[in-house]
Amino acid sequence: MSSSLAPECSEVKERYDQCFIKWYSEKYLRGEAKTFDCESLFKTYNECLNKALKAKGIDTMLAEARKNSKDLDMDIGQGR
């Protein structure tokens, strides 16, 4: 497993990764997944990562890249 983009989030990312691998292999692949057991860990990691990205000013770059990508997708879809 890889470390987080934000070092301060690596511990929670590792816990989420371990949870996900266990859930995926023991429940999802066997067709026994009724819920996503790791949702709370994912939310915690996502909040930590978003906070770190915002503190580094990366959140605005991501938003702009997503907007540009969406605009490009629309242009391609319209045959431009």
PDB file of N, CA and C in Angstrom:
ATOM      1  N   MET A   1       0.830  -1.177   0.000  1.00  0.00           N
ATOM      2  CA  MET A   1       0.000   0.000   0.000  1.00  0.00           C
ATOM      3  C   MET A   1       0.878   1.244   0.000  1.00  0.00           C
ATOM      4  N   SER A   2       0.392   2.237  -0.659  1.00  0.00           N
ATOM      5  CA  SER A   2       1.168   3.467  -0.747  1.00  0.00           C
ATOM      6  C   SER A   2       0.777   4.440   0.353  1.00  0.00           C
ATOM      7  N   SER A   3       1.685   5.364   0.602  1.00  0.00           N
ATOM      8  CA  SER A   3       1.385   6.382   1.605  1.00  0.00           C
ATOM      9  C   SER A   3       0.472   7.435   0.980  1.00  0.00           C
ATOM     10  N   SER A   4      -0.088   8.245   1.817  1.00  0.00           N
ATOM     11  CA  SER A   4      -1.003   9.287   1.364  1.00  0.00           C
ATOM     12  C   SER A   4      -0.239  10.434   0.720  1.00  0.00           C
ATOM     13  N   LEU A   5      -0.934  11.160  -0.135  1.00  0.00           N
ATOM     14  CA  LEU A   5      -0.375  12.379  -0.720  1.00  0.00           C
ATOM     15  C   LEU A   5      -0.016  13.371   0.383  1.00  0.00           C
ATOM     16  N   ALA A   6      -0.813  13.349   1.452  1.00  0.00           N
ATOM     17  CA  ALA A   6      -0.568  14.207   2.617  1.00  0.00           C
ATOM     18  C   ALA A   6      -0.035  13.325   3.748  1.00  0.00           C
ATOM     19  N   PRO A   7       1.213  13.496   4.149  1.00  0.00           N
ATOM     20  CA  PRO A   7       1.806  12.632   5.175  1.00  0.00           C
ATOM     21  C   PRO A   7       0.986  12.560   6.463  1.00  0.00           C
ATOM     22  N   GLU A   8       0.319  13.648   6.825  1.00  0.00           N
ATOM     23  CA  GLU A   8      -0.462  13.654   8.046  1.00  0.00           C
ATOM     24  C   GLU A   8      -1.702  12.756   7.952  1.00  0.00           C
ATOM     25  N   CYS A   9      -2.022  12.295   6.761  1.00  0.00           N
ATOM     26  CA  CYS A   9      -3.178  11.418   6.557  1.00  0.00           C
ATOM     27  C   CYS A   9      -2.780   9.963   6.323  1.00  0.00           C
ATOM     28  N   SER A  10      -1.496   9.666   6.335  1.00  0.00           N
ATOM     29  CA  SER A  10      -1.027   8.320   5.996  1.00  0.00           C
ATOM     30  C   SER A  10      -1.547   7.247   6.945  1.00  0.00           C
ATOM     31  N   GLU A  11      -1.634   7.543   8.233  1.00  0.00           N
ATOM     32  CA  GLU A  11      -2.097   6.534   9.189  1.00  0.00           C
ATOM     33  C   GLU A  11      -3.542   6.129   8.901  1.00  0.00           C
ATOM     34  N   VAL A  12      -4.411   7.099   8.707  1.00  0.00           N
ATOM     35  CA  VAL A  12      -5.813   6.780   8.440  1.00  0.00           C
ATOM     36  C   VAL A  12      -5.966   6.144   7.058  1.00  0.00           C
ATOM     37  N   LYS A  13      -5.132   6.526   6.101  1.00  0.00           N
ATOM     38  CA  LYS A  13      -5.179   5.895   4.783  1.00  0.00           C
ATOM     39  C   LYS A  13      -4.799   4.430   4.893  1.00  0.00           C
ATOM     40  N   GLU A  14      -3.789   4.123   5.684  1.00  0.00           N
ATOM     41  CA  GLU A  14      -3.368   2.735   5.856  1.00  0.00           C
ATOM     42  C   GLU A  14      -4.491   1.908   6.488  1.00  0.00           C
ATOM     43  N   ARG A  15      -5.164   2.474   7.500  1.00  0.00           N
ATOM     44  CA  ARG A  15      -6.286   1.761   8.124  1.00  0.00           C
ATOM     45  C   ARG A  15      -7.415   1.549   7.124  1.00  0.00           C
ATOM     46  N   TYR A  16      -7.693   2.571   6.309  1.00  0.00           N
ATOM     47  CA  TYR A  16      -8.730   2.436   5.280  1.00  0.00           C
ATOM     48  C   TYR A  16      -8.336   1.379   4.253  1.00  0.00           C
ATOM     49  N   ASP A  17      -7.093   1.416   3.779  1.00  0.00           N
ATOM     50  CA  ASP A  17      -6.631   0.438   2.787  1.00  0.00           C
ATOM     51  C   ASP A  17      -6.783  -0.987   3.310  1.00  0.00           C
ATOM     52  N   GLN A  18      -6.388  -1.207   4.563  1.00  0.00           N
ATOM     53  CA  GLN A  18      -6.497  -2.544   5.154  1.00  0.00           C
ATOM     54  C   GLN A  18      -7.960  -2.975   5.257  1.00  0.00           C
ATOM     55  N   CYS A  19      -8.812  -2.065   5.677  1.00  0.00           N
ATOM     56  CA  CYS A  19     -10.237  -2.349   5.779  1.00  0.00           C
ATOM     57  C   CYS A  19     -10.809  -2.681   4.404  1.00  0.00           C
ATOM     58  N   PHE A  20     -10.460  -1.873   3.402  1.00  0.00           N
ATOM     59  CA  PHE A  20     -10.989  -2.075   2.059  1.00  0.00           C
ATOM     60  C   PHE A  20     -10.567  -3.424   1.495  1.00  0.00           C
ATOM     61  N   ILE A  21      -9.303  -3.767   1.638  1.00  0.00           N
ATOM     62  CA  ILE A  21      -8.812  -5.043   1.109  1.00  0.00           C
ATOM     63  C   ILE A  21      -9.555  -6.211   1.769  1.00  0.00           C
ATOM     64  N   LYS A  22      -9.746  -6.137   3.074  1.00  0.00           N
ATOM     65  CA  LYS A  22     -10.464  -7.196   3.785  1.00  0.00           C
ATOM     66  C   LYS A  22     -11.920  -7.266   3.310  1.00  0.00           C
ATOM     67  N   TRP A  23     -12.604  -6.123   3.245  1.00  0.00           N
ATOM     68  CA  TRP A  23     -13.996  -6.082   2.799  1.00  0.00           C
ATOM     69  C   TRP A  23     -14.122  -6.600   1.370  1.00  0.00           C
ATOM     70  N   TYR A  24     -13.241  -6.146   0.504  1.00  0.00           N
ATOM     71  CA  TYR A  24     -13.301  -6.519  -0.910  1.00  0.00           C
ATOM     72  C   TYR A  24     -13.107  -8.018  -1.095  1.00  0.00           C
ATOM     73  N   SER A  25     -12.098  -8.567  -0.441  1.00  0.00           N
ATOM     74  CA  SER A  25     -11.790  -9.981  -0.636  1.00  0.00           C
ATOM     75  C   SER A  25     -12.728 -10.921   0.119  1.00  0.00           C
ATOM     76  N   GLU A  26     -13.170 -10.508   1.308  1.00  0.00           N
ATOM     77  CA  GLU A  26     -13.985 -11.406   2.127  1.00  0.00           C
ATOM     78  C   GLU A  26     -15.489 -11.249   1.916  1.00  0.00           C
ATOM     79  N   LYS A  27     -15.918 -10.107   1.418  1.00  0.00           N
ATOM     80  CA  LYS A  27     -17.357  -9.888   1.253  1.00  0.00           C
ATOM     81  C   LYS A  27     -17.744  -9.586  -0.194  1.00  0.00           C
ATOM     82  N   TYR A  28     -17.146  -8.566  -0.775  1.00  0.00           N
ATOM     83  CA  TYR A  28     -17.558  -8.122  -2.097  1.00  0.00           C
ATOM     84  C   TYR A  28     -17.384  -9.216  -3.152  1.00  0.00           C
ATOM     85  N   LEU A  29     -16.201  -9.803  -3.210  1.00  0.00           N
ATOM     86  CA  LEU A  29     -15.943 -10.820  -4.226  1.00  0.00           C
ATOM     87  C   LEU A  29     -16.790 -12.072  -4.039  1.00  0.00           C
ATOM     88  N   ARG A  30     -17.273 -12.295  -2.856  1.00  0.00           N
ATOM     89  CA  ARG A  30     -18.119 -13.467  -2.567  1.00  0.00           C
ATOM     90  C   ARG A  30     -19.606 -13.149  -2.692  1.00  0.00           C
ATOM     91  N   GLY A  31     -19.912 -11.918  -3.067  1.00  0.00           N
ATOM     92  CA  GLY A  31     -21.302 -11.513  -3.220  1.00  0.00           C
ATOM     93  C   GLY A  31     -22.030 -11.321  -1.904  1.00  0.00           C
ATOM     94  N   GLU A  32     -21.284 -11.113  -0.835  1.00  0.00           N
ATOM     95  CA  GLU A  32     -21.879 -10.979   0.494  1.00  0.00           C
ATOM     96  C   GLU A  32     -21.879  -9.543   1.010  1.00  0.00           C
ATOM     97  N   ALA A  33     -21.516  -8.605   0.172  1.00  0.00           N
ATOM     98  CA  ALA A  33     -21.423  -7.205   0.603  1.00  0.00           C
ATOM     99  C   ALA A  33     -22.792  -6.539   0.514  1.00  0.00           C
ATOM    100  N   LYS A  34     -23.366  -6.276   1.653  1.00  0.00           N
ATOM    101  CA  LYS A  34     -24.652  -5.575   1.699  1.00  0.00           C
ATOM    102  C   LYS A  34     -24.431  -4.088   1.985  1.00  0.00           C
ATOM    103  N   THR A  35     -23.345  -3.783   2.648  1.00  0.00           N
ATOM    104  CA  THR A  35     -22.959  -2.408   2.940  1.00  0.00           C
ATOM    105  C   THR A  35     -21.451  -2.288   2.747  1.00  0.00           C
ATOM    106  N   PHE A  36     -20.978  -1.057   2.724  1.00  0.00           N
ATOM    107  CA  PHE A  36     -19.540  -0.811   2.618  1.00  0.00           C
ATOM    108  C   PHE A  36     -19.015  -0.595   4.026  1.00  0.00           C
ATOM    109  N   ASP A  37     -18.371  -1.613   4.572  1.00  0.00           N
ATOM    110  CA  ASP A  37     -17.918  -1.607   5.961  1.00  0.00           C
ATOM    111  C   ASP A  37     -16.898  -0.516   6.286  1.00  0.00           C
ATOM    112  N   CYS A  38     -16.251   0.013   5.296  1.00  0.00           N
ATOM    113  CA  CYS A  38     -15.152   0.958   5.517  1.00  0.00           C
ATOM    114  C   CYS A  38     -15.556   2.410   5.283  1.00  0.00           C
ATOM    115  N   GLU A  39     -16.842   2.668   5.190  1.00  0.00           N
ATOM    116  CA  GLU A  39     -17.312   4.007   4.847  1.00  0.00           C
ATOM    117  C   GLU A  39     -16.837   5.078   5.821  1.00  0.00           C
ATOM    118  N   SER A  40     -16.885   4.800   7.112  1.00  0.00           N
ATOM    119  CA  SER A  40     -16.466   5.821   8.083  1.00  0.00           C
ATOM    120  C   SER A  40     -14.973   6.116   7.971  1.00  0.00           C
ATOM    121  N   LEU A  41     -14.160   5.088   7.722  1.00  0.00           N
ATOM    122  CA  LEU A  41     -12.722   5.317   7.536  1.00  0.00           C
ATOM    123  C   LEU A  41     -12.465   6.107   6.261  1.00  0.00           C
ATOM    124  N   PHE A  42     -13.232   5.802   5.194  1.00  0.00           N
ATOM    125  CA  PHE A  42     -13.072   6.547   3.958  1.00  0.00           C
ATOM    126  C   PHE A  42     -13.413   8.016   4.174  1.00  0.00           C
ATOM    127  N   LYS A  43     -14.502   8.292   4.870  1.00  0.00           N
ATOM    128  CA  LYS A  43     -14.885   9.680   5.134  1.00  0.00           C
ATOM    129  C   LYS A  43     -13.819  10.407   5.947  1.00  0.00           C
ATOM    130  N   THR A  44     -13.274   9.721   6.941  1.00  0.00           N
ATOM    131  CA  THR A  44     -12.220  10.326   7.766  1.00  0.00           C
ATOM    132  C   THR A  44     -10.996  10.642   6.918  1.00  0.00           C
ATOM    133  N   TYR A  45     -10.594   9.693   6.078  1.00  0.00           N
ATOM    134  CA  TYR A  45      -9.430   9.914   5.213  1.00  0.00           C
ATOM    135  C   TYR A  45      -9.716  11.040   4.217  1.00  0.00           C
ATOM    136  N   ASN A  46     -10.892  11.028   3.617  1.00  0.00           N
ATOM    137  CA  ASN A  46     -11.260  12.055   2.644  1.00  0.00           C
ATOM    138  C   ASN A  46     -11.247  13.448   3.271  1.00  0.00           C
ATOM    139  N   GLU A  47     -11.763  13.568   4.479  1.00  0.00           N
ATOM    140  CA  GLU A  47     -11.754  14.859   5.184  1.00  0.00           C
ATOM    141  C   GLU A  47     -10.329  15.314   5.464  1.00  0.00           C
ATOM    142  N   CYS A  48      -9.488  14.396   5.912  1.00  0.00           N
ATOM    143  CA  CYS A  48      -8.085  14.730   6.190  1.00  0.00           C
ATOM    144  C   CYS A  48      -7.385  15.181   4.911  1.00  0.00           C
ATOM    145  N   LEU A  49      -7.586  14.436   3.847  1.00  0.00           N
ATOM    146  CA  LEU A  49      -6.932  14.761   2.579  1.00  0.00           C
ATOM    147  C   LEU A  49      -7.420  16.093   2.031  1.00  0.00           C
ATOM    148  N   ASN A  50      -8.721  16.322   2.060  1.00  0.00           N
ATOM    149  CA  ASN A  50      -9.257  17.605   1.574  1.00  0.00           C
ATOM    150  C   ASN A  50      -8.719  18.783   2.380  1.00  0.00           C
ATOM    151  N   LYS A  51      -8.597  18.614   3.685  1.00  0.00           N
ATOM    152  CA  LYS A  51      -8.051  19.666   4.549  1.00  0.00           C
ATOM    153  C   LYS A  51      -6.589  19.957   4.171  1.00  0.00           C
ATOM    154  N   ALA A  52      -5.817  18.899   3.946  1.00  0.00           N
ATOM    155  CA  ALA A  52      -4.408  19.069   3.577  1.00  0.00           C
ATOM    156  C   ALA A  52      -4.270  19.707   2.198  1.00  0.00           C
ATOM    157  N   LEU A  53      -5.099  19.305   1.254  1.00  0.00           N
ATOM    158  CA  LEU A  53      -5.043  19.884  -0.087  1.00  0.00           C
ATOM    159  C   LEU A  53      -5.397  21.371  -0.052  1.00  0.00           C
ATOM    160  N   LYS A  54      -6.386  21.713   0.759  1.00  0.00           N
ATOM    161  CA  LYS A  54      -6.784  23.113   0.888  1.00  0.00           C
ATOM    162  C   LYS A  54      -5.658  23.928   1.521  1.00  0.00           C
ATOM    163  N   ALA A  55      -5.024  23.387   2.560  1.00  0.00           N
ATOM    164  CA  ALA A  55      -3.935  24.092   3.240  1.00  0.00           C
ATOM    165  C   ALA A  55      -2.757  24.352   2.298  1.00  0.00           C
ATOM    166  N   LYS A  56      -2.566  23.471   1.319  1.00  0.00           N
ATOM    167  CA  LYS A  56      -1.459  23.622   0.376  1.00  0.00           C
ATOM    168  C   LYS A  56      -1.871  24.362  -0.895  1.00  0.00           C
ATOM    169  N   GLY A  57      -3.154  24.751  -0.971  1.00  0.00           N
ATOM    170  CA  GLY A  57      -3.639  25.464  -2.149  1.00  0.00           C
ATOM    171  C   GLY A  57      -3.859  24.591  -3.363  1.00  0.00           C
ATOM    172  N   ILE A  58      -3.837  23.303  -3.166  1.00  0.00           N
ATOM    173  CA  ILE A  58      -3.996  22.370  -4.285  1.00  0.00           C
ATOM    174  C   ILE A  58      -5.469  22.195  -4.643  1.00  0.00           C
ATOM    175  N   ASP A  59      -6.360  22.450  -3.696  1.00  0.00           N
ATOM    176  CA  ASP A  59      -7.790  22.251  -3.944  1.00  0.00           C
ATOM    177  C   ASP A  59      -8.295  23.110  -5.096  1.00  0.00           C
ATOM    178  N   THR A  60      -7.807  24.332  -5.204  1.00  0.00           N
ATOM    179  CA  THR A  60      -8.263  25.200  -6.292  1.00  0.00           C
ATOM    180  C   THR A  60      -7.728  24.724  -7.641  1.00  0.00           C
ATOM    181  N   MET A  61      -6.505  24.204  -7.656  1.00  0.00           N
ATOM    182  CA  MET A  61      -5.962  23.659  -8.904  1.00  0.00           C
ATOM    183  C   MET A  61      -6.765  22.443  -9.351  1.00  0.00           C
ATOM    184  N   LEU A  62      -7.142  21.596  -8.406  1.00  0.00           N
ATOM    185  CA  LEU A  62      -7.954  20.430  -8.742  1.00  0.00           C
ATOM    186  C   LEU A  62      -9.319  20.836  -9.276  1.00  0.00           C
ATOM    187  N   ALA A  63      -9.936  21.808  -8.642  1.00  0.00           N
ATOM    188  CA  ALA A  63     -11.248  22.275  -9.092  1.00  0.00           C
ATOM    189  C   ALA A  63     -11.156  22.818 -10.512  1.00  0.00           C
ATOM    190  N   GLU A  64     -10.121  23.576 -10.792  1.00  0.00           N
ATOM    191  CA  GLU A  64      -9.937  24.132 -12.132  1.00  0.00           C
ATOM    192  C   GLU A  64      -9.676  23.020 -13.156  1.00  0.00           C
ATOM    193  N   ALA A  65      -8.861  22.048 -12.798  1.00  0.00           N
ATOM    194  CA  ALA A  65      -8.585  20.935 -13.707  1.00  0.00           C
ATOM    195  C   ALA A  65      -9.856  20.137 -13.985  1.00  0.00           C
ATOM    196  N   ARG A  66     -10.669  19.936 -12.964  1.00  0.00           N
ATOM    197  CA  ARG A  66     -11.936  19.217 -13.158  1.00  0.00           C
ATOM    198  C   ARG A  66     -12.863  20.010 -14.071  1.00  0.00           C
ATOM    199  N   LYS A  67     -12.904  21.317 -13.886  1.00  0.00           N
ATOM    200  CA  LYS A  67     -13.748  22.164 -14.730  1.00  0.00           C
ATOM    201  C   LYS A  67     -13.270  22.100 -16.173  1.00  0.00           C
ATOM    202  N   ASN A  68     -11.969  22.206 -16.369  1.00  0.00           N
ATOM    203  CA  ASN A  68     -11.418  22.151 -17.726  1.00  0.00           C
ATOM    204  C   ASN A  68     -11.685  20.800 -18.374  1.00  0.00           C
ATOM    205  N   SER A  69     -11.578  19.743 -17.601  1.00  0.00           N
ATOM    206  CA  SER A  69     -11.836  18.404 -18.121  1.00  0.00           C
ATOM    207  C   SER A  69     -13.299  18.255 -18.517  1.00  0.00           C
ATOM    208  N   LYS A  70     -14.186  18.785 -17.678  1.00  0.00           N
ATOM    209  CA  LYS A  70     -15.616  18.724 -17.973  1.00  0.00           C
ATOM    210  C   LYS A  70     -15.923  19.520 -19.238  1.00  0.00           C
ATOM    211  N   ASP A  71     -15.317  20.703 -19.366  1.00  0.00           N
ATOM    212  CA  ASP A  71     -15.520  21.522 -20.564  1.00  0.00           C
ATOM    213  C   ASP A  71     -15.022  20.793 -21.807  1.00  0.00           C
ATOM    214  N   LEU A  72     -13.874  20.128 -21.701  1.00  0.00           N
ATOM    215  CA  LEU A  72     -13.314  19.385 -22.826  1.00  0.00           C
ATOM    216  C   LEU A  72     -14.223  18.216 -23.197  1.00  0.00           C
ATOM    217  N   ASP A  73     -14.736  17.517 -22.199  1.00  0.00           N
ATOM    218  CA  ASP A  73     -15.659  16.415 -22.458  1.00  0.00           C
ATOM    219  C   ASP A  73     -16.895  16.907 -23.206  1.00  0.00           C
ATOM    220  N   MET A  74     -17.400  18.080 -22.806  1.00  0.00           N
ATOM    221  CA  MET A  74     -18.576  18.636 -23.471  1.00  0.00           C
ATOM    222  C   MET A  74     -18.247  19.017 -24.908  1.00  0.00           C
ATOM    223  N   ASP A  75     -17.060  19.590 -25.137  1.00  0.00           N
ATOM    224  CA  ASP A  75     -16.650  19.955 -26.494  1.00  0.00           C
ATOM    225  C   ASP A  75     -16.551  18.720 -27.380  1.00  0.00           C
ATOM    226  N   ILE A  76     -15.964  17.659 -26.855  1.00  0.00           N
ATOM    227  CA  ILE A  76     -15.808  16.428 -27.615  1.00  0.00           C
ATOM    228  C   ILE A  76     -17.178  15.823 -27.915  1.00  0.00           C
ATOM    229  N   GLY A  77     -18.057  15.869 -26.923  1.00  0.00           N
ATOM    230  CA  GLY A  77     -19.404  15.327 -27.101  1.00  0.00           C
ATOM    231  C   GLY A  77     -20.216  16.085 -28.142  1.00  0.00           C
ATOM    232  N   GLN A  78     -19.859  17.349 -28.364  1.00  0.00           N
ATOM    233  CA  GLN A  78     -20.581  18.171 -29.332  1.00  0.00           C
ATOM    234  C   GLN A  78     -19.854  18.206 -30.675  1.00  0.00           C
ATOM    235  N   GLY A  79     -18.804  17.403 -30.808  1.00  0.00           N
ATOM    236  CA  GLY A  79     -18.080  17.311 -32.074  1.00  0.00           C
ATOM    237  C   GLY A  79     -17.215  18.505 -32.387  1.00  0.00           C
ATOM    238  N   ARG A  80     -16.768  19.202 -31.372  1.00  0.00           N
ATOM    239  CA  ARG A  80     -15.898  20.373 -31.607  1.00  0.00           C
ATOM    240  C   ARG A  80     -14.461  19.988 -31.713  1.00  0.00           C
TER     241      ARG A  80
END
